[in-house]
Amino acid sequence: MPNIPTILKGLRIPVIGSPMFIISNPKLVIAQCKAGIVGSMPALNARPASLLDEWLAEITEELAAYNARNPERPAAPFAINQIVHKSNDRLEHDVELCKKYKVPIIITSLGAREEVNSEIHSYGGIVLHDVINNKFAHKAIDKGADGLIAVAAGAGGHAGTKSPFALVQEIRDWFDGPLALAGSIATGGAILAAQAMGADFAYIGSPFIATHEANAVDEYKQAIVESTSDDIVYSNLFTGVHGNYLASSILAAGLDPDNLPESDPSKMNFADGSAKPKAWKEIWGSGQGIGVIQEITGAGKFVDKLYKEYVAAKERLSLVRCETQKSVEA
């Protein structure tokens, strides 16, 4: 049985809302947490840097007030994503604010930093690190991360290329701590499937773009509703790191999504938000799982839908198990 930290126990369904650059904001995080899943956002979404203090105060105060009103069904914890790449010159400032507000969960990306993990552990927080292969998974745990997020093929943002089956089973061969899986998960059945293959949590981002709370223009939200996996392009042109993007936004920018040049990974830069903002403002990120998103709705309503599908999937599996047992006994 995997070792799950107390803070991650008791979720309504085993889901972590992934932090999305520009898209995730306090409004979305609060809605996700109230709906019973971990809500998250990147620290770098708060611009200027001083805004992060206000946002963390808003989230912690609103969730505390909600919990006081609903002791029988408190909100899920929230997480802040820290880009620990060397070009992020805000990292020290943002980590200090997370310490100030005792942010329960920190999600680290683009590098593993032992000193960052120690800072979070100093106040009792936990660190989940996202990885795209088993080699990076080992490095993250060796440097003190508490858990892992396996970013498999089909995930939105900076996705990997590994099959979720390959990635999860390789990690589970040696790691028994908390493990989330990212990559085209957009239904309750997919959440259960992630657990069946060995993950503890589903890591879901792109479907939340098509919610009222998300900080996305209406055209972006509608594109999520209208697009399928056939409309996703995998490229490193826009940030220096390979990621998945909506073809319609690439076309709108005057580029040919079928003939994009390669970029130099060394040009990746997160200092002062200069990591090619057009990659997120004009070139829209998205995972491959959006083909089942049929409407723009509230984040809470979407979580309700996931919950119903998750329960139904468990019931289907139970029926299959019963039928199999009957067949064996016969």
Protein backbone atom coordinates (compact mmCIF):
# COMPACT_ATOMS: atom_id res chain seq x y z
CA MET A 1 0.00 0.00 0.00
CA PRO A 2 1.58 3.31 -1.02
CA ASN A 3 2.51 5.72 1.75
CA ILE A 4 0.14 8.67 1.39
CA PRO A 5 0.77 11.81 3.51
CA THR A 6 -2.13 12.78 5.75
CA ILE A 7 -2.70 16.02 3.85
CA LEU A 8 -3.57 14.02 0.70
CA LYS A 9 -6.02 11.69 2.39
CA GLY A 10 -9.75 12.29 2.44
CA LEU A 11 -10.16 13.86 -0.99
CA ARG A 12 -13.64 13.51 -2.48
CA ILE A 13 -12.05 11.85 -5.50
CA PRO A 14 -8.32 11.18 -6.05
CA VAL A 15 -7.63 14.20 -8.25
CA ILE A 16 -5.08 17.01 -8.24
CA GLY A 17 -5.94 19.94 -10.47
CA SER A 18 -2.73 20.72 -12.32
CA PRO A 19 -1.29 24.25 -12.24
CA MET A 20 -1.61 25.96 -15.60
CA PHE A 21 0.45 28.98 -16.58
CA ILE A 22 -1.76 32.10 -16.82
CA ILE A 23 -4.95 29.98 -16.62
CA SER A 24 -4.93 29.00 -12.94
CA ASN A 25 -5.83 31.71 -10.43
CA PRO A 26 -7.22 31.95 -6.88
CA LYS A 27 -10.79 31.75 -8.14
CA LEU A 28 -10.16 28.43 -9.87
CA VAL A 29 -8.03 27.04 -7.02
CA ILE A 30 -10.72 27.86 -4.44
CA ALA A 31 -13.46 26.30 -6.58
CA GLN A 32 -11.43 23.11 -7.05
CA CYS A 33 -10.67 22.81 -3.34
CA LYS A 34 -14.31 23.42 -2.33
CA ALA A 35 -15.35 20.72 -4.80
CA GLY A 36 -13.09 18.23 -3.00
CA ILE A 37 -9.94 17.99 -5.14
CA VAL A 38 -6.53 19.59 -4.73
CA GLY A 39 -6.51 22.96 -6.48
CA SER A 40 -3.25 24.46 -7.64
CA MET A 41 -1.67 27.35 -9.50
CA PRO A 42 1.86 28.43 -10.53
CA ALA A 43 3.45 31.04 -8.29
CA LEU A 44 4.56 32.83 -11.47
CA ASN A 45 0.94 33.54 -12.40
CA ALA A 46 0.99 36.30 -9.80
CA ARG A 47 2.46 39.36 -11.54
CA PRO A 48 3.94 41.48 -10.14
CA ALA A 49 5.59 39.22 -7.59
CA SER A 50 3.97 41.15 -4.73
CA LEU A 51 0.56 39.92 -5.92
CA LEU A 52 1.41 36.41 -4.75
CA ASP A 53 1.13 37.57 -1.13
CA GLU A 54 -2.41 38.84 -1.79
CA TRP A 55 -3.40 35.68 -3.63
CA LEU A 56 -2.12 33.34 -0.93
CA ALA A 57 -3.97 35.38 1.69
CA GLU A 58 -7.16 35.19 -0.38
CA ILE A 59 -6.93 31.41 -0.84
CA THR A 60 -6.07 30.58 2.77
CA GLU A 61 -8.68 32.92 4.24
CA GLU A 62 -11.47 31.81 1.91
CA LEU A 63 -10.78 28.11 2.47
CA ALA A 64 -10.54 28.60 6.24
CA ALA A 65 -13.90 30.38 6.24
CA TYR A 66 -15.43 27.63 4.10
CA ASN A 67 -14.13 24.94 6.45
CA ALA A 68 -15.58 26.76 9.45
CA ARG A 69 -18.99 26.75 7.75
CA ASN A 70 -18.69 23.15 6.55
CA PRO A 71 -16.88 21.11 9.22
CA GLU A 72 -18.52 17.92 7.98
CA ARG A 73 -17.12 18.40 4.47
CA PRO A 74 -14.04 20.62 4.54
CA ALA A 75 -12.26 21.81 1.42
CA ALA A 76 -9.34 19.89 -0.01
CA PRO A 77 -5.83 21.34 0.45
CA PHE A 78 -4.27 23.57 -2.19
CA ALA A 79 -0.90 23.52 -3.92
CA ILE A 80 1.46 26.07 -5.41
CA ASN A 81 3.70 25.23 -8.35
CA GLN A 82 7.29 26.47 -8.22
CA ILE A 83 9.42 26.49 -11.37
CA VAL A 84 12.84 25.65 -9.95
CA HIS A 85 14.72 26.17 -13.22
CA LYS A 86 17.78 28.39 -12.73
CA SER A 87 16.27 31.18 -14.85
CA ASN A 88 13.43 31.77 -12.35
CA ASP A 89 14.83 34.70 -10.39
CA ARG A 90 11.65 34.87 -8.28
CA LEU A 91 12.07 31.44 -6.73
CA GLU A 92 13.52 32.54 -3.38
CA HIS A 93 10.88 35.27 -2.97
CA ASP A 94 8.02 32.93 -3.85
CA VAL A 95 9.24 30.13 -1.58
CA GLU A 96 9.43 32.57 1.35
CA LEU A 97 5.79 33.52 0.80
CA CYS A 98 4.81 29.85 0.69
CA LYS A 99 6.57 29.45 4.03
CA LYS A 100 4.71 32.49 5.39
CA TYR A 101 1.33 30.99 4.52
CA LYS A 102 2.40 27.39 5.19
CA VAL A 103 1.19 26.24 1.79
CA PRO A 104 0.46 22.53 2.38
CA ILE A 105 1.60 21.20 -1.00
CA ILE A 106 4.32 22.47 -3.32
CA ILE A 107 4.61 21.14 -6.87
CA THR A 108 8.10 21.61 -8.29
CA SER A 109 8.90 21.59 -12.01
CA LEU A 110 11.85 21.79 -14.39
CA GLY A 111 14.58 20.60 -12.08
CA ALA A 112 14.90 19.12 -8.59
CA ARG A 113 16.35 21.35 -5.86
CA GLU A 114 17.28 19.87 -2.49
CA GLU A 115 17.36 23.27 -0.79
CA VAL A 116 13.83 24.08 -1.96
CA ASN A 117 12.54 20.79 -0.60
CA SER A 118 14.19 21.49 2.74
CA GLU A 119 12.55 24.92 2.95
CA ILE A 120 9.11 23.41 2.38
CA HIS A 121 9.72 20.61 4.87
CA SER A 122 10.77 23.18 7.49
CA TYR A 123 7.13 24.13 8.13
CA GLY A 124 5.57 20.72 7.48
CA GLY A 125 4.70 21.09 3.79
CA ILE A 126 5.15 18.31 1.25
CA VAL A 127 6.73 18.42 -2.19
CA LEU A 128 5.49 16.67 -5.32
CA HIS A 129 7.85 16.83 -8.28
CA ASP A 130 6.74 16.35 -11.88
CA VAL A 131 8.84 14.07 -14.07
CA ILE A 132 8.70 12.75 -17.62
CA ASN A 133 10.85 9.64 -17.14
CA ASN A 134 12.15 7.23 -14.51
CA LYS A 135 15.63 8.78 -14.46
CA PHE A 136 14.24 12.15 -13.36
CA ALA A 137 11.98 10.39 -10.86
CA HIS A 138 15.00 8.88 -9.10
CA LYS A 139 16.73 12.25 -9.01
CA ALA A 140 13.69 13.97 -7.50
CA ILE A 141 13.34 11.46 -4.68
CA ASP A 142 17.09 11.43 -4.04
CA LYS A 143 16.91 15.20 -3.54
CA GLY A 144 14.08 15.00 -1.03
CA ALA A 145 10.77 15.18 -2.89
CA ASP A 146 7.94 13.43 -1.06
CA GLY A 147 6.04 12.31 -4.13
CA LEU A 148 6.01 12.28 -7.90
CA ILE A 149 3.80 13.41 -10.75
CA ALA A 150 4.33 11.21 -13.79
CA VAL A 151 3.72 13.43 -16.81
CA ALA A 152 3.03 10.96 -19.59
CA ALA A 153 2.32 11.31 -23.30
CA GLY A 154 -0.77 13.35 -24.10
CA ALA A 155 -0.56 15.67 -21.11
CA GLY A 156 -1.02 19.41 -21.54
CA GLY A 157 1.84 21.85 -21.15
CA HIS A 158 5.37 20.46 -21.00
CA ALA A 159 4.46 16.82 -21.55
CA GLY A 160 6.66 13.77 -21.93
CA THR A 161 6.50 11.04 -24.54
CA LYS A 162 6.32 7.92 -22.35
CA SER A 163 3.24 5.72 -22.29
CA PRO A 164 1.50 6.07 -18.92
CA PHE A 165 1.73 2.28 -18.52
CA ALA A 166 5.50 2.28 -19.01
CA LEU A 167 6.10 5.33 -16.83
CA VAL A 168 3.95 4.28 -13.89
CA GLN A 169 5.13 0.69 -13.78
CA GLU A 170 8.79 1.72 -13.91
CA ILE A 171 8.31 4.16 -11.04
CA ARG A 172 6.23 1.73 -8.99
CA ASP A 173 8.98 -0.87 -9.34
CA TRP A 174 10.95 1.03 -6.69
CA PHE A 175 8.81 3.88 -5.28
CA ASP A 176 5.90 3.35 -2.88
CA GLY A 177 5.16 7.00 -2.06
CA PRO A 178 2.44 9.27 -3.46
CA LEU A 179 2.23 9.16 -7.24
CA ALA A 180 -0.01 11.18 -9.53
CA LEU A 181 -0.45 10.54 -13.25
CA ALA A 182 -0.91 13.20 -15.92
CA GLY A 183 -1.87 12.58 -19.52
CA SER A 184 -5.29 12.85 -21.19
CA ILE A 185 -7.33 12.16 -18.04
CA ALA A 186 -10.73 13.83 -18.39
CA THR A 187 -13.31 11.32 -17.11
CA GLY A 188 -14.04 9.47 -13.89
CA GLY A 189 -13.28 6.20 -15.66
CA ALA A 190 -9.82 7.46 -16.57
CA ILE A 191 -9.22 8.41 -12.93
CA LEU A 192 -10.01 4.86 -11.86
CA ALA A 193 -7.82 3.49 -14.65
CA ALA A 194 -4.90 5.58 -13.37
CA GLN A 195 -5.36 4.01 -9.96
CA ALA A 196 -5.65 0.52 -11.47
CA MET A 197 -2.24 0.85 -13.10
CA GLY A 198 -0.60 1.99 -9.86
CA ALA A 199 -1.05 5.75 -9.51
CA ASP A 200 -2.70 7.21 -6.40
CA PHE A 201 -4.06 10.35 -8.05
CA ALA A 202 -5.08 11.67 -11.44
CA TYR A 203 -3.50 15.00 -12.41
CA ILE A 204 -6.02 16.95 -14.50
CA GLY A 205 -5.49 20.31 -16.17
CA SER A 206 -6.82 20.97 -19.69
CA PRO A 207 -10.52 20.28 -18.95
CA PHE A 208 -10.44 23.06 -16.36
CA ILE A 209 -9.54 25.59 -19.07
CA ALA A 210 -13.17 25.32 -20.20
CA THR A 211 -14.54 26.51 -16.85
CA HIS A 212 -15.98 29.84 -15.85
CA GLU A 213 -13.29 30.38 -13.22
CA ALA A 214 -10.31 29.84 -15.53
CA ASN A 215 -8.32 32.90 -16.61
CA ALA A 216 -8.67 32.19 -20.33
CA VAL A 217 -10.29 34.19 -23.11
CA ASP A 218 -13.63 32.92 -24.35
CA GLU A 219 -12.11 31.83 -27.66
CA TYR A 220 -9.62 29.60 -25.85
CA LYS A 221 -12.36 27.99 -23.75
CA GLN A 222 -14.49 27.38 -26.82
CA ALA A 223 -11.52 25.87 -28.66
CA ILE A 224 -11.17 23.33 -25.84
CA VAL A 225 -14.83 22.37 -26.30
CA GLU A 226 -14.59 22.13 -30.08
CA SER A 227 -11.24 20.33 -30.38
CA THR A 228 -10.16 16.69 -30.09
CA SER A 229 -6.86 14.86 -29.75
CA ASP A 230 -6.40 15.24 -33.51
CA ASP A 231 -6.04 18.99 -32.97
CA ILE A 232 -3.06 18.79 -30.60
CA VAL A 233 0.48 19.57 -31.78
CA TYR A 234 3.64 18.54 -29.90
CA SER A 235 6.47 21.06 -30.30
CA ASN A 236 9.39 22.70 -28.48
CA LEU A 237 9.34 25.84 -30.65
CA PHE A 238 7.55 28.10 -28.20
CA THR A 239 9.44 27.57 -24.93
CA GLY A 240 12.43 25.39 -25.74
CA VAL A 241 10.76 22.44 -24.00
CA HIS A 242 8.37 20.11 -25.82
CA GLY A 243 4.73 20.68 -25.04
CA ASN A 244 1.25 20.12 -26.43
CA TYR A 245 -0.67 22.98 -28.06
CA LEU A 246 -3.92 23.58 -29.93
CA ALA A 247 -3.36 23.60 -33.69
CA SER A 248 -6.02 26.28 -34.19
CA SER A 249 -4.02 28.79 -32.14
CA ILE A 250 -0.84 27.99 -34.07
CA LEU A 251 -2.67 28.62 -37.33
CA ALA A 252 -4.10 31.87 -35.97
CA ALA A 253 -0.53 33.01 -35.24
CA GLY A 254 0.36 32.54 -38.91
CA LEU A 255 2.33 29.31 -38.46
CA ASP A 256 1.93 25.90 -40.06
CA PRO A 257 1.31 23.38 -37.28
CA ASP A 258 2.51 20.56 -39.55
CA ASN A 259 5.85 22.23 -40.28
CA LEU A 260 7.17 23.84 -37.10
CA PRO A 261 10.93 24.28 -36.69
CA GLU A 262 12.83 22.96 -33.68
CA SER A 263 13.86 25.34 -30.90
CA ASP A 264 17.05 25.50 -28.83
CA PRO A 265 16.27 24.20 -25.29
CA SER A 266 18.99 26.47 -23.87
CA LYS A 267 16.79 29.48 -24.72
CA MET A 268 14.26 28.50 -22.06
CA ASN A 269 13.94 31.43 -19.65
CA PHE A 270 11.49 32.05 -16.83
CA ALA A 271 13.05 35.24 -15.48
CA ASP A 272 10.51 38.06 -15.16
CA GLY A 273 7.96 36.05 -17.11
CA SER A 274 10.01 36.29 -20.29
CA ALA A 275 9.65 32.63 -21.22
CA LYS A 276 8.04 33.58 -24.52
CA PRO A 277 4.64 34.62 -23.15
CA LYS A 278 3.10 34.19 -26.59
CA ALA A 279 3.40 30.44 -25.96
CA TRP A 280 0.59 30.76 -23.43
CA LYS A 281 -1.24 33.94 -24.42
CA GLU A 282 -1.48 33.35 -28.17
CA ILE A 283 -0.32 29.77 -28.61
CA TRP A 284 -2.73 27.83 -26.40
CA GLY A 285 -1.60 24.77 -24.48
CA SER A 286 -3.80 21.70 -24.16
CA GLY A 287 -3.56 17.98 -23.53
CA GLN A 288 -5.03 15.27 -25.74
CA GLY A 289 -7.94 14.41 -23.44
CA ILE A 290 -10.20 17.30 -24.41
CA GLY A 291 -12.30 15.37 -26.94
CA VAL A 292 -14.84 14.54 -24.20
CA ILE A 293 -15.24 18.16 -23.03
CA GLN A 294 -18.63 19.23 -24.37
CA GLU A 295 -19.36 22.53 -22.61
CA ILE A 296 -17.97 25.47 -20.70
CA THR A 297 -19.08 25.00 -17.12
CA GLY A 298 -18.18 25.75 -13.51
CA ALA A 299 -15.18 24.00 -12.00
CA GLY A 300 -17.34 22.57 -9.21
CA LYS A 301 -19.86 21.21 -11.68
CA PHE A 302 -17.09 19.53 -13.66
CA VAL A 303 -15.75 17.88 -10.49
CA ASP A 304 -19.30 16.70 -9.72
CA LYS A 305 -19.36 15.07 -13.16
CA LEU A 306 -16.00 13.39 -12.53
CA TYR A 307 -17.27 12.11 -9.18
CA LYS A 308 -20.39 10.53 -10.72
CA GLU A 309 -18.35 8.95 -13.52
CA TYR A 310 -15.78 7.67 -11.02
CA VAL A 311 -18.47 6.01 -8.88
CA ALA A 312 -20.11 4.53 -11.98
CA ALA A 313 -16.75 3.17 -13.19
CA LYS A 314 -16.16 1.46 -9.85
CA GLU A 315 -19.61 -0.09 -10.03
CA ARG A 316 -18.94 -1.36 -13.56
CA LEU A 317 -15.67 -2.86 -12.43
CA SER A 318 -17.41 -4.52 -9.50
CA LEU A 319 -19.95 -6.10 -11.85
CA VAL A 320 -17.20 -7.35 -14.13
CA ARG A 321 -15.42 -8.85 -11.14
CA CYS A 322 -18.61 -10.60 -10.01
CA GLU A 323 -19.26 -11.98 -13.48
CA THR A 324 -15.68 -13.20 -13.71
CA GLN A 325 -15.95 -14.91 -10.34
CA LYS A 326 -19.20 -16.62 -11.36
CA SER A 327 -17.56 -17.82 -14.56
CA VAL A 328 -14.61 -19.25 -12.64
CA GLU A 329 -16.88 -21.01 -10.12
CA ALA A 330 -18.99 -22.46 -12.92
